[in-house]
C-alpha atoms as a PDB file:
ATOM      1  CA  MET A   1      63.377  15.682 109.625  1.00  0.00           C
ATOM      2  CA  ARG A   2      61.749  12.572 108.213  1.00  0.00           C
ATOM      3  CA  LYS A   3      61.457   9.048 109.559  1.00  0.00           C
ATOM      4  CA  LEU A   4      60.888   5.938 107.459  1.00  0.00           C
ATOM      5  CA  SER A   5      60.157   2.379 108.520  1.00  0.00           C
ATOM      6  CA  LEU A   6      62.399   0.221 106.373  1.00  0.00           C
ATOM      7  CA  ASP A   7      60.583  -2.838 107.711  1.00  0.00           C
ATOM      8  CA  ALA A   8      57.191  -1.555 106.494  1.00  0.00           C
ATOM      9  CA  LEU A   9      58.658  -0.471 103.153  1.00  0.00           C
ATOM     10  CA  ALA A  10      60.348  -3.868 102.788  1.00  0.00           C
ATOM     11  CA  ARG A  11      56.999  -5.643 103.322  1.00  0.00           C
ATOM     12  CA  GLU A  12      55.370  -3.380 100.733  1.00  0.00           C
ATOM     13  CA  GLN A  13      58.097  -3.925  98.121  1.00  0.00           C
ATOM     14  CA  ALA A  14      58.189  -7.686  98.758  1.00  0.00           C
ATOM     15  CA  ALA A  15      54.441  -7.851  98.092  1.00  0.00           C
ATOM     16  CA  ARG A  16      54.868  -5.833  94.892  1.00  0.00           C
ATOM     17  CA  ALA A  17      57.706  -8.080  93.723  1.00  0.00           C
ATOM     18  CA  ALA A  18      55.598 -11.177  94.403  1.00  0.00           C
ATOM     19  CA  ALA A  19      52.793  -9.708  92.254  1.00  0.00           C
ATOM     20  CA  ALA A  20      55.091  -8.593  89.416  1.00  0.00           C
ATOM     21  CA  SER A  21      55.809 -10.904  86.481  1.00  0.00           C
ATOM     22  CA  SER A  22      59.487  -9.890  86.722  1.00  0.00           C
ATOM     23  CA  GLY A  23      59.679 -10.841  90.406  1.00  0.00           C
ATOM     24  CA  ARG A  24      61.208  -7.419  91.140  1.00  0.00           C
ATOM     25  CA  SER A  25      60.164  -4.161  92.730  1.00  0.00           C
ATOM     26  CA  ALA A  26      62.110  -1.063  93.761  1.00  0.00           C
ATOM     27  CA  ARG A  27      61.513   2.262  95.462  1.00  0.00           C
ATOM     28  CA  THR A  28      63.916   5.131  96.085  1.00  0.00           C
ATOM     29  CA  VAL A  29      63.701   6.039  99.764  1.00  0.00           C
ATOM     30  CA  PHE A  30      66.324   8.792  99.823  1.00  0.00           C
ATOM     31  CA  GLY A  31      68.010  10.979  97.236  1.00  0.00           C
ATOM     32  CA  GLY A  32      67.529  10.981  93.525  1.00  0.00           C
ATOM     33  CA  HIS A  33      69.204  11.565  90.189  1.00  0.00           C
ATOM     34  CA  GLU A  34      70.165  15.128  91.082  1.00  0.00           C
ATOM     35  CA  GLN A  35      71.888  14.132  94.340  1.00  0.00           C
ATOM     36  CA  VAL A  36      75.132  12.311  95.079  1.00  0.00           C
ATOM     37  CA  LEU A  37      73.665   9.914  97.659  1.00  0.00           C
ATOM     38  CA  ARG A  38      70.773   7.628  96.748  1.00  0.00           C
ATOM     39  CA  GLN A  39      69.152   4.787  98.691  1.00  0.00           C
ATOM     40  CA  THR A  40      66.792   2.360  97.019  1.00  0.00           C
ATOM     41  CA  LEU A  41      64.861  -0.581  98.469  1.00  0.00           C
ATOM     42  CA  ILE A  42      64.923  -3.496  96.046  1.00  0.00           C
ATOM     43  CA  ALA A  43      62.768  -6.598  96.478  1.00  0.00           C
ATOM     44  CA  LEU A  44      63.441  -9.768  94.500  1.00  0.00           C
ATOM     45  CA  THR A  45      61.545 -13.038  94.577  1.00  0.00           C
ATOM     46  CA  LYS A  46      63.538 -16.275  94.660  1.00  0.00           C
ATOM     47  CA  ASP A  47      65.588 -16.723  91.458  1.00  0.00           C
ATOM     48  CA  ALA A  48      64.824 -13.171  90.228  1.00  0.00           C
ATOM     49  CA  SER A  49      67.781 -10.937  89.410  1.00  0.00           C
ATOM     50  CA  SER A  50      68.822  -7.543  88.181  1.00  0.00           C
ATOM     51  CA  ALA A  51      70.374  -7.556  84.733  1.00  0.00           C
ATOM     52  CA  GLU A  52      74.148  -7.200  84.683  1.00  0.00           C
ATOM     53  CA  HIS A  53      74.995  -3.495  84.682  1.00  0.00           C
ATOM     54  CA  GLU A  54      77.854  -1.042  85.173  1.00  0.00           C
ATOM     55  CA  SER A  55      78.692   0.161  88.653  1.00  0.00           C
ATOM     56  CA  PRO A  56      76.877   3.444  89.401  1.00  0.00           C
ATOM     57  CA  GLY A  57      79.708   4.636  91.678  1.00  0.00           C
ATOM     58  CA  GLU A  58      80.559   3.772  95.255  1.00  0.00           C
ATOM     59  CA  ALA A  59      77.810   1.432  96.428  1.00  0.00           C
ATOM     60  CA  THR A  60      76.755  -1.036  99.089  1.00  0.00           C
ATOM     61  CA  VAL A  61      73.947  -3.578  99.374  1.00  0.00           C
ATOM     62  CA  PHE A  62      72.524  -4.116 102.873  1.00  0.00           C
ATOM     63  CA  VAL A  63      70.430  -7.289 103.094  1.00  0.00           C
ATOM     64  CA  LEU A  64      67.245  -6.585 105.063  1.00  0.00           C
ATOM     65  CA  ARG A  65      65.572  -9.948 104.361  1.00  0.00           C
ATOM     66  CA  GLY A  66      66.404 -13.203 102.651  1.00  0.00           C
ATOM     67  CA  ARG A  67      69.583 -14.187 100.815  1.00  0.00           C
ATOM     68  CA  VAL A  68      71.206 -12.707  97.725  1.00  0.00           C
ATOM     69  CA  ARG A  69      74.203 -13.280  95.513  1.00  0.00           C
ATOM     70  CA  LEU A  70      76.245 -10.420  94.036  1.00  0.00           C
ATOM     71  CA  VAL A  71      78.032 -11.551  90.877  1.00  0.00           C
ATOM     72  CA  ALA A  72      80.826  -9.649  89.109  1.00  0.00           C
ATOM     73  CA  GLY A  73      82.513 -11.731  86.424  1.00  0.00           C
ATOM     74  CA  ASP A  74      84.009 -14.795  88.117  1.00  0.00           C
ATOM     75  CA  GLU A  75      83.631 -13.309  91.607  1.00  0.00           C
ATOM     76  CA  VAL A  76      80.580 -14.121  93.727  1.00  0.00           C
ATOM     77  CA  TRP A  77      79.593 -12.828  97.161  1.00  0.00           C
ATOM     78  CA  GLU A  78      76.613 -14.137  99.095  1.00  0.00           C
ATOM     79  CA  GLY A  79      74.750 -12.151 101.705  1.00  0.00           C
ATOM     80  CA  ARG A  80      71.957 -12.880 104.152  1.00  0.00           C
ATOM     81  CA  GLN A  81      69.897 -10.759 106.496  1.00  0.00           C
ATOM     82  CA  GLY A  82      72.144  -8.263 108.266  1.00  0.00           C
ATOM     83  CA  ASP A  83      75.062  -8.538 105.812  1.00  0.00           C
ATOM     84  CA  LEU A  84      76.552  -5.543 104.038  1.00  0.00           C
ATOM     85  CA  LEU A  85      78.021  -6.276 100.598  1.00  0.00           C
ATOM     86  CA  LEU A  86      80.426  -3.823  98.983  1.00  0.00           C
ATOM     87  CA  VAL A  87      79.538  -3.468  95.314  1.00  0.00           C
ATOM     88  CA  PRO A  88      82.627  -3.815  93.107  1.00  0.00           C
ATOM     89  CA  PRO A  89      83.481  -1.047  90.626  1.00  0.00           C
ATOM     90  CA  ALA A  90      82.770  -3.437  87.723  1.00  0.00           C
ATOM     91  CA  ARG A  91      79.808  -4.867  85.822  1.00  0.00           C
ATOM     92  CA  HIS A  92      77.693  -6.889  88.217  1.00  0.00           C
ATOM     93  CA  ALA A  93      74.261  -8.396  88.859  1.00  0.00           C
ATOM     94  CA  LEU A  94      72.241  -9.142  91.989  1.00  0.00           C
ATOM     95  CA  GLU A  95      70.426 -12.493  92.262  1.00  0.00           C
ATOM     96  CA  ALA A  96      67.910 -13.647  94.885  1.00  0.00           C
ATOM     97  CA  MET A  97      68.698 -17.054  96.357  1.00  0.00           C
ATOM     98  CA  GLU A  98      65.369 -16.785  98.225  1.00  0.00           C
ATOM     99  CA  ASP A  99      62.807 -13.996  98.484  1.00  0.00           C
ATOM    100  CA  ALA A 100      64.864 -10.968  99.517  1.00  0.00           C
ATOM    101  CA  VAL A 101      64.794  -7.242 100.166  1.00  0.00           C
ATOM    102  CA  VAL A 102      67.957  -5.133 100.101  1.00  0.00           C
ATOM    103  CA  LEU A 103      68.839  -1.492 100.620  1.00  0.00           C
ATOM    104  CA  LEU A 104      71.115  -0.288  97.824  1.00  0.00           C
ATOM    105  CA  THR A 105      73.125   2.811  98.766  1.00  0.00           C
ATOM    106  CA  VAL A 106      74.984   4.637  96.001  1.00  0.00           C
ATOM    107  CA  ALA A 107      77.269   7.648  96.112  1.00  0.00           C
ATOM    108  CA  LYS A 108      77.553   8.591  92.451  1.00  0.00           C
ATOM    109  CA  THR A 109      81.028   9.461  91.274  1.00  0.00           C
ATOM    110  CA  GLY A 110      81.612  11.488  88.157  1.00  0.00           C
END
């Protein structure tokens, strides 16, 4: 058994994002490429974003801190601390409306 403090990891990733020229930082906390389930902490500074990309499979974004916007074409969903966003099975991007940390959970299909 293993225990992780998402709060401590969120602080660490937020500090790394703040120091990075891209305004982003990420760390896989569970799973990996060889497994179906993967959880990744992603920190974004205000106005930073992930590039638009294809859906990796079934996925959710749980907002641990801050506010984010999930954009898929003309559809936009906003989330704040405590919100769970369901990632659409389409090209999408994640944008930080303020400094934010999210937990991305993916169950790869195919």
